[in-house]
Amino acid sequence: MTSEELHRNHLAAFITGDLGTAAKLRQQFKPADHATAVEFLRAATAVALEYRFGPGAGLGARLDHDELAAFMTELRQAGRASEPPPDYLAIEAVVRSLYGEAHLLEPLRLEQRHQALYTALAHQVHTYRWLAANLDTLLDRARLTAASWLLGPSAAG
């Protein structure tokens, strides 16, 4: 399995809720793969958040803060029974980082980013169930988004 296939399969397992498979795939990661996995997760979260906040997540779009407040309220209501509770400040930071405030990622450790991104993505997949039903499209768009971050906007076209 290539590195790209490993990351794609890992993220697919996360999105579909197959956390056991995701854990097994993560065991195959090399040290640098953990950061790559978080960036791919960030790209998939950006794609999924566009269905809530509009196009351009991770590509310079601006965020409607009233819509962000409503989203965060939904997350808090959905996570009331979670133990431990999600880190809502980290979740807000990763969402805002995708909409023009990239500096908010800096204080977050890699694991905090991962957990916050996963929580936001899982909420979107639960809300917009067709995201998981169209997994290949989501993953392809995530790959293009991540490529545009590395290579510039022309890489996505």
C-alpha atoms as a PDB file:
ATOM      1  CA  MET A   1       0.000   0.000   0.000  1.00  0.00           C
ATOM      2  CA  THR A   2       1.378   3.399  -0.966  1.00  0.00           C
ATOM      3  CA  SER A   3       1.563   6.232   1.526  1.00  0.00           C
ATOM      4  CA  GLU A   4      -1.298   8.019  -0.266  1.00  0.00           C
ATOM      5  CA  GLU A   5      -3.460   4.867  -0.138  1.00  0.00           C
ATOM      6  CA  LEU A   6      -2.646   4.415   3.541  1.00  0.00           C
ATOM      7  CA  HIS A   7      -3.751   7.958   4.359  1.00  0.00           C
ATOM      8  CA  ARG A   8      -6.839   7.728   2.169  1.00  0.00           C
ATOM      9  CA  ASN A   9      -7.901   4.414   3.747  1.00  0.00           C
ATOM     10  CA  HIS A  10      -7.168   5.762   7.235  1.00  0.00           C
ATOM     11  CA  LEU A  11      -9.321   8.839   6.672  1.00  0.00           C
ATOM     12  CA  ALA A  12     -12.075   6.773   5.026  1.00  0.00           C
ATOM     13  CA  ALA A  13     -12.171   4.543   8.104  1.00  0.00           C
ATOM     14  CA  PHE A  14     -12.499   7.611  10.341  1.00  0.00           C
ATOM     15  CA  ILE A  15     -15.269   9.124   8.243  1.00  0.00           C
ATOM     16  CA  THR A  16     -17.265   5.909   8.177  1.00  0.00           C
ATOM     17  CA  GLY A  17     -16.799   5.422  11.929  1.00  0.00           C
ATOM     18  CA  ASP A  18     -14.616   2.318  11.613  1.00  0.00           C
ATOM     19  CA  LEU A  19     -12.241   3.373  14.367  1.00  0.00           C
ATOM     20  CA  GLY A  20     -10.764  -0.130  14.737  1.00  0.00           C
ATOM     21  CA  THR A  21      -9.583  -0.139  11.126  1.00  0.00           C
ATOM     22  CA  ALA A  22      -8.336   3.431  11.511  1.00  0.00           C
ATOM     23  CA  ALA A  23      -6.253   2.352  14.518  1.00  0.00           C
ATOM     24  CA  LYS A  24      -4.811  -0.630  12.633  1.00  0.00           C
ATOM     25  CA  LEU A  25      -3.874   1.577   9.698  1.00  0.00           C
ATOM     26  CA  ARG A  26      -2.336   4.141  12.046  1.00  0.00           C
ATOM     27  CA  GLN A  27      -0.010   1.415  13.336  1.00  0.00           C
ATOM     28  CA  GLN A  28       1.512   1.343   9.839  1.00  0.00           C
ATOM     29  CA  PHE A  29       2.384   5.051  10.005  1.00  0.00           C
ATOM     30  CA  LYS A  30       5.973   6.168   9.905  1.00  0.00           C
ATOM     31  CA  PRO A  31       6.821   9.063  12.259  1.00  0.00           C
ATOM     32  CA  ALA A  32       6.152  11.754   9.626  1.00  0.00           C
ATOM     33  CA  ASP A  33       2.821  10.175   8.658  1.00  0.00           C
ATOM     34  CA  HIS A  34       1.057  11.453  11.770  1.00  0.00           C
ATOM     35  CA  ALA A  35       1.425  15.092  10.687  1.00  0.00           C
ATOM     36  CA  THR A  36       0.400  14.162   7.132  1.00  0.00           C
ATOM     37  CA  ALA A  37      -2.705  12.412   8.462  1.00  0.00           C
ATOM     38  CA  VAL A  38      -3.714  15.527  10.397  1.00  0.00           C
ATOM     39  CA  GLU A  39      -3.291  17.693   7.288  1.00  0.00           C
ATOM     40  CA  PHE A  40      -5.401  15.287   5.214  1.00  0.00           C
ATOM     41  CA  LEU A  41      -7.988  15.296   8.019  1.00  0.00           C
ATOM     42  CA  ARG A  42      -7.850  19.103   8.013  1.00  0.00           C
ATOM     43  CA  ALA A  43      -8.479  19.144   4.256  1.00  0.00           C
ATOM     44  CA  ALA A  44     -11.420  16.729   4.569  1.00  0.00           C
ATOM     45  CA  THR A  45     -12.831  18.842   7.385  1.00  0.00           C
ATOM     46  CA  ALA A  46     -12.463  21.943   5.206  1.00  0.00           C
ATOM     47  CA  VAL A  47     -14.419  20.273   2.405  1.00  0.00           C
ATOM     48  CA  ALA A  48     -17.130  19.118   4.815  1.00  0.00           C
ATOM     49  CA  LEU A  49     -17.408  22.525   6.488  1.00  0.00           C
ATOM     50  CA  GLU A  50     -18.074  24.186   3.144  1.00  0.00           C
ATOM     51  CA  TYR A  51     -21.540  22.635   3.277  1.00  0.00           C
ATOM     52  CA  ARG A  52     -22.177  24.593   6.466  1.00  0.00           C
ATOM     53  CA  PHE A  53     -20.226  27.818   6.004  1.00  0.00           C
ATOM     54  CA  GLY A  54     -19.891  28.151   2.240  1.00  0.00           C
ATOM     55  CA  PRO A  55     -17.099  27.560  -0.265  1.00  0.00           C
ATOM     56  CA  GLY A  56     -13.464  28.404   0.230  1.00  0.00           C
ATOM     57  CA  ALA A  57     -12.642  26.740   3.555  1.00  0.00           C
ATOM     58  CA  GLY A  58      -8.880  26.677   3.810  1.00  0.00           C
ATOM     59  CA  LEU A  59      -8.635  28.829   0.697  1.00  0.00           C
ATOM     60  CA  GLY A  60      -9.113  32.326   2.088  1.00  0.00           C
ATOM     61  CA  ALA A  61     -12.905  32.561   2.510  1.00  0.00           C
ATOM     62  CA  ARG A  62     -14.334  34.510   5.429  1.00  0.00           C
ATOM     63  CA  LEU A  63     -16.492  33.034   8.159  1.00  0.00           C
ATOM     64  CA  ASP A  64     -19.943  34.205   9.254  1.00  0.00           C
ATOM     65  CA  HIS A  65     -19.479  34.418  13.018  1.00  0.00           C
ATOM     66  CA  ASP A  66     -23.202  34.066  13.734  1.00  0.00           C
ATOM     67  CA  GLU A  67     -23.188  30.798  11.789  1.00  0.00           C
ATOM     68  CA  LEU A  68     -20.067  29.716  13.700  1.00  0.00           C
ATOM     69  CA  ALA A  69     -21.840  30.424  17.001  1.00  0.00           C
ATOM     70  CA  ALA A  70     -24.807  28.299  15.877  1.00  0.00           C
ATOM     71  CA  PHE A  71     -22.450  25.499  14.813  1.00  0.00           C
ATOM     72  CA  MET A  72     -20.637  25.574  18.146  1.00  0.00           C
ATOM     73  CA  THR A  73     -23.970  25.486  20.004  1.00  0.00           C
ATOM     74  CA  GLU A  74     -24.949  22.375  18.008  1.00  0.00           C
ATOM     75  CA  LEU A  75     -21.614  20.734  18.845  1.00  0.00           C
ATOM     76  CA  ARG A  76     -22.014  21.508  22.540  1.00  0.00           C
ATOM     77  CA  GLN A  77     -25.520  20.036  22.566  1.00  0.00           C
ATOM     78  CA  ALA A  78     -24.372  16.943  20.678  1.00  0.00           C
ATOM     79  CA  GLY A  79     -21.371  16.470  22.975  1.00  0.00           C
ATOM     80  CA  ARG A  80     -23.119  16.874  26.324  1.00  0.00           C
ATOM     81  CA  ALA A  81     -22.851  13.167  27.118  1.00  0.00           C
ATOM     82  CA  SER A  82     -19.272  12.804  25.846  1.00  0.00           C
ATOM     83  CA  GLU A  83     -16.674  11.849  28.390  1.00  0.00           C
ATOM     84  CA  PRO A  84     -14.257  13.496  28.349  1.00  0.00           C
ATOM     85  CA  PRO A  85     -16.025  16.433  26.748  1.00  0.00           C
ATOM     86  CA  PRO A  86     -14.663  17.753  23.462  1.00  0.00           C
ATOM     87  CA  ASP A  87     -12.277  20.703  23.582  1.00  0.00           C
ATOM     88  CA  TYR A  88     -14.655  23.303  22.167  1.00  0.00           C
ATOM     89  CA  LEU A  89     -12.033  26.055  22.084  1.00  0.00           C
ATOM     90  CA  ALA A  90      -9.801  23.835  19.941  1.00  0.00           C
ATOM     91  CA  ILE A  91     -12.721  22.997  17.659  1.00  0.00           C
ATOM     92  CA  GLU A  92     -13.535  26.675  17.209  1.00  0.00           C
ATOM     93  CA  ALA A  93      -9.850  27.381  16.566  1.00  0.00           C
ATOM     94  CA  VAL A  94      -9.574  24.763  13.807  1.00  0.00           C
ATOM     95  CA  VAL A  95     -12.781  25.971  12.143  1.00  0.00           C
ATOM     96  CA  ARG A  96     -11.687  29.599  12.289  1.00  0.00           C
ATOM     97  CA  SER A  97      -8.223  28.594  11.042  1.00  0.00           C
ATOM     98  CA  LEU A  98      -9.848  27.333   7.854  1.00  0.00           C
ATOM     99  CA  TYR A  99     -11.545  30.693   7.355  1.00  0.00           C
ATOM    100  CA  GLY A 100      -8.701  33.179   7.464  1.00  0.00           C
ATOM    101  CA  GLU A 101      -7.320  32.802  10.987  1.00  0.00           C
ATOM    102  CA  ALA A 102      -4.596  30.202  10.433  1.00  0.00           C
ATOM    103  CA  HIS A 103      -2.605  31.556  13.392  1.00  0.00           C
ATOM    104  CA  LEU A 104      -5.143  29.950  15.746  1.00  0.00           C
ATOM    105  CA  LEU A 105      -3.645  26.528  14.958  1.00  0.00           C
ATOM    106  CA  GLU A 106      -0.210  27.472  16.307  1.00  0.00           C
ATOM    107  CA  PRO A 107      -0.896  26.886  20.031  1.00  0.00           C
ATOM    108  CA  LEU A 108      -2.598  23.535  19.391  1.00  0.00           C
ATOM    109  CA  ARG A 109      -0.590  20.333  19.727  1.00  0.00           C
ATOM    110  CA  LEU A 110      -0.913  17.817  16.881  1.00  0.00           C
ATOM    111  CA  GLU A 111      -3.213  15.590  18.973  1.00  0.00           C
ATOM    112  CA  GLN A 112      -5.450  18.566  19.855  1.00  0.00           C
ATOM    113  CA  ARG A 113      -5.720  19.457  16.177  1.00  0.00           C
ATOM    114  CA  HIS A 114      -6.541  15.870  15.292  1.00  0.00           C
ATOM    115  CA  GLN A 115      -9.265  15.547  17.914  1.00  0.00           C
ATOM    116  CA  ALA A 116     -10.810  18.938  17.120  1.00  0.00           C
ATOM    117  CA  LEU A 117     -10.790  18.317  13.378  1.00  0.00           C
ATOM    118  CA  TYR A 118     -12.230  14.838  13.818  1.00  0.00           C
ATOM    119  CA  THR A 119     -15.032  16.171  16.042  1.00  0.00           C
ATOM    120  CA  ALA A 120     -15.953  18.861  13.513  1.00  0.00           C
ATOM    121  CA  LEU A 121     -15.789  16.411  10.607  1.00  0.00           C
ATOM    122  CA  ALA A 122     -17.823  13.758  12.444  1.00  0.00           C
ATOM    123  CA  HIS A 123     -20.491  16.353  13.210  1.00  0.00           C
ATOM    124  CA  GLN A 124     -20.660  17.345   9.550  1.00  0.00           C
ATOM    125  CA  VAL A 125     -20.854  13.718   8.410  1.00  0.00           C
ATOM    126  CA  HIS A 126     -23.650  13.098  10.909  1.00  0.00           C
ATOM    127  CA  THR A 127     -25.503  16.237   9.791  1.00  0.00           C
ATOM    128  CA  TYR A 128     -24.911  15.770   6.058  1.00  0.00           C
ATOM    129  CA  ARG A 129     -25.079  11.990   5.730  1.00  0.00           C
ATOM    130  CA  TRP A 130     -24.465  12.102   1.992  1.00  0.00           C
ATOM    131  CA  LEU A 131     -20.848  13.091   2.744  1.00  0.00           C
ATOM    132  CA  ALA A 132     -20.108   9.529   3.894  1.00  0.00           C
ATOM    133  CA  ALA A 133     -22.287   8.134   1.110  1.00  0.00           C
ATOM    134  CA  ASN A 134     -20.071   9.986  -1.393  1.00  0.00           C
ATOM    135  CA  LEU A 135     -16.807   9.163   0.326  1.00  0.00           C
ATOM    136  CA  ASP A 136     -14.670   9.026  -2.820  1.00  0.00           C
ATOM    137  CA  THR A 137     -15.775  12.521  -3.837  1.00  0.00           C
ATOM    138  CA  LEU A 138     -15.064  13.862  -0.351  1.00  0.00           C
ATOM    139  CA  LEU A 139     -11.625  12.252  -0.269  1.00  0.00           C
ATOM    140  CA  ASP A 140     -10.766  13.429  -3.798  1.00  0.00           C
ATOM    141  CA  ARG A 141     -11.737  16.994  -2.931  1.00  0.00           C
ATOM    142  CA  ALA A 142      -9.739  16.751   0.297  1.00  0.00           C
ATOM    143  CA  ARG A 143      -6.675  15.595  -1.666  1.00  0.00           C
ATOM    144  CA  LEU A 144      -7.049  18.538  -4.061  1.00  0.00           C
ATOM    145  CA  THR A 145      -7.501  20.973  -1.179  1.00  0.00           C
ATOM    146  CA  ALA A 146      -4.385  19.678   0.568  1.00  0.00           C
ATOM    147  CA  ALA A 147      -2.445  19.861  -2.711  1.00  0.00           C
ATOM    148  CA  SER A 148      -3.507  23.471  -3.184  1.00  0.00           C
ATOM    149  CA  TRP A 149      -2.183  24.298   0.293  1.00  0.00           C
ATOM    150  CA  LEU A 150       1.185  22.807  -0.607  1.00  0.00           C
ATOM    151  CA  LEU A 151       1.496  23.846  -4.240  1.00  0.00           C
ATOM    152  CA  GLY A 152      -0.806  26.842  -4.598  1.00  0.00           C
ATOM    153  CA  PRO A 153      -4.304  27.225  -6.043  1.00  0.00           C
ATOM    154  CA  SER A 154      -3.333  26.023  -9.536  1.00  0.00           C
ATOM    155  CA  ALA A 155      -2.701  22.525  -8.085  1.00  0.00           C
ATOM    156  CA  ALA A 156      -6.416  22.114  -7.365  1.00  0.00           C
ATOM    157  CA  GLY A 157      -7.416  22.613 -10.983  1.00  0.00           C
END
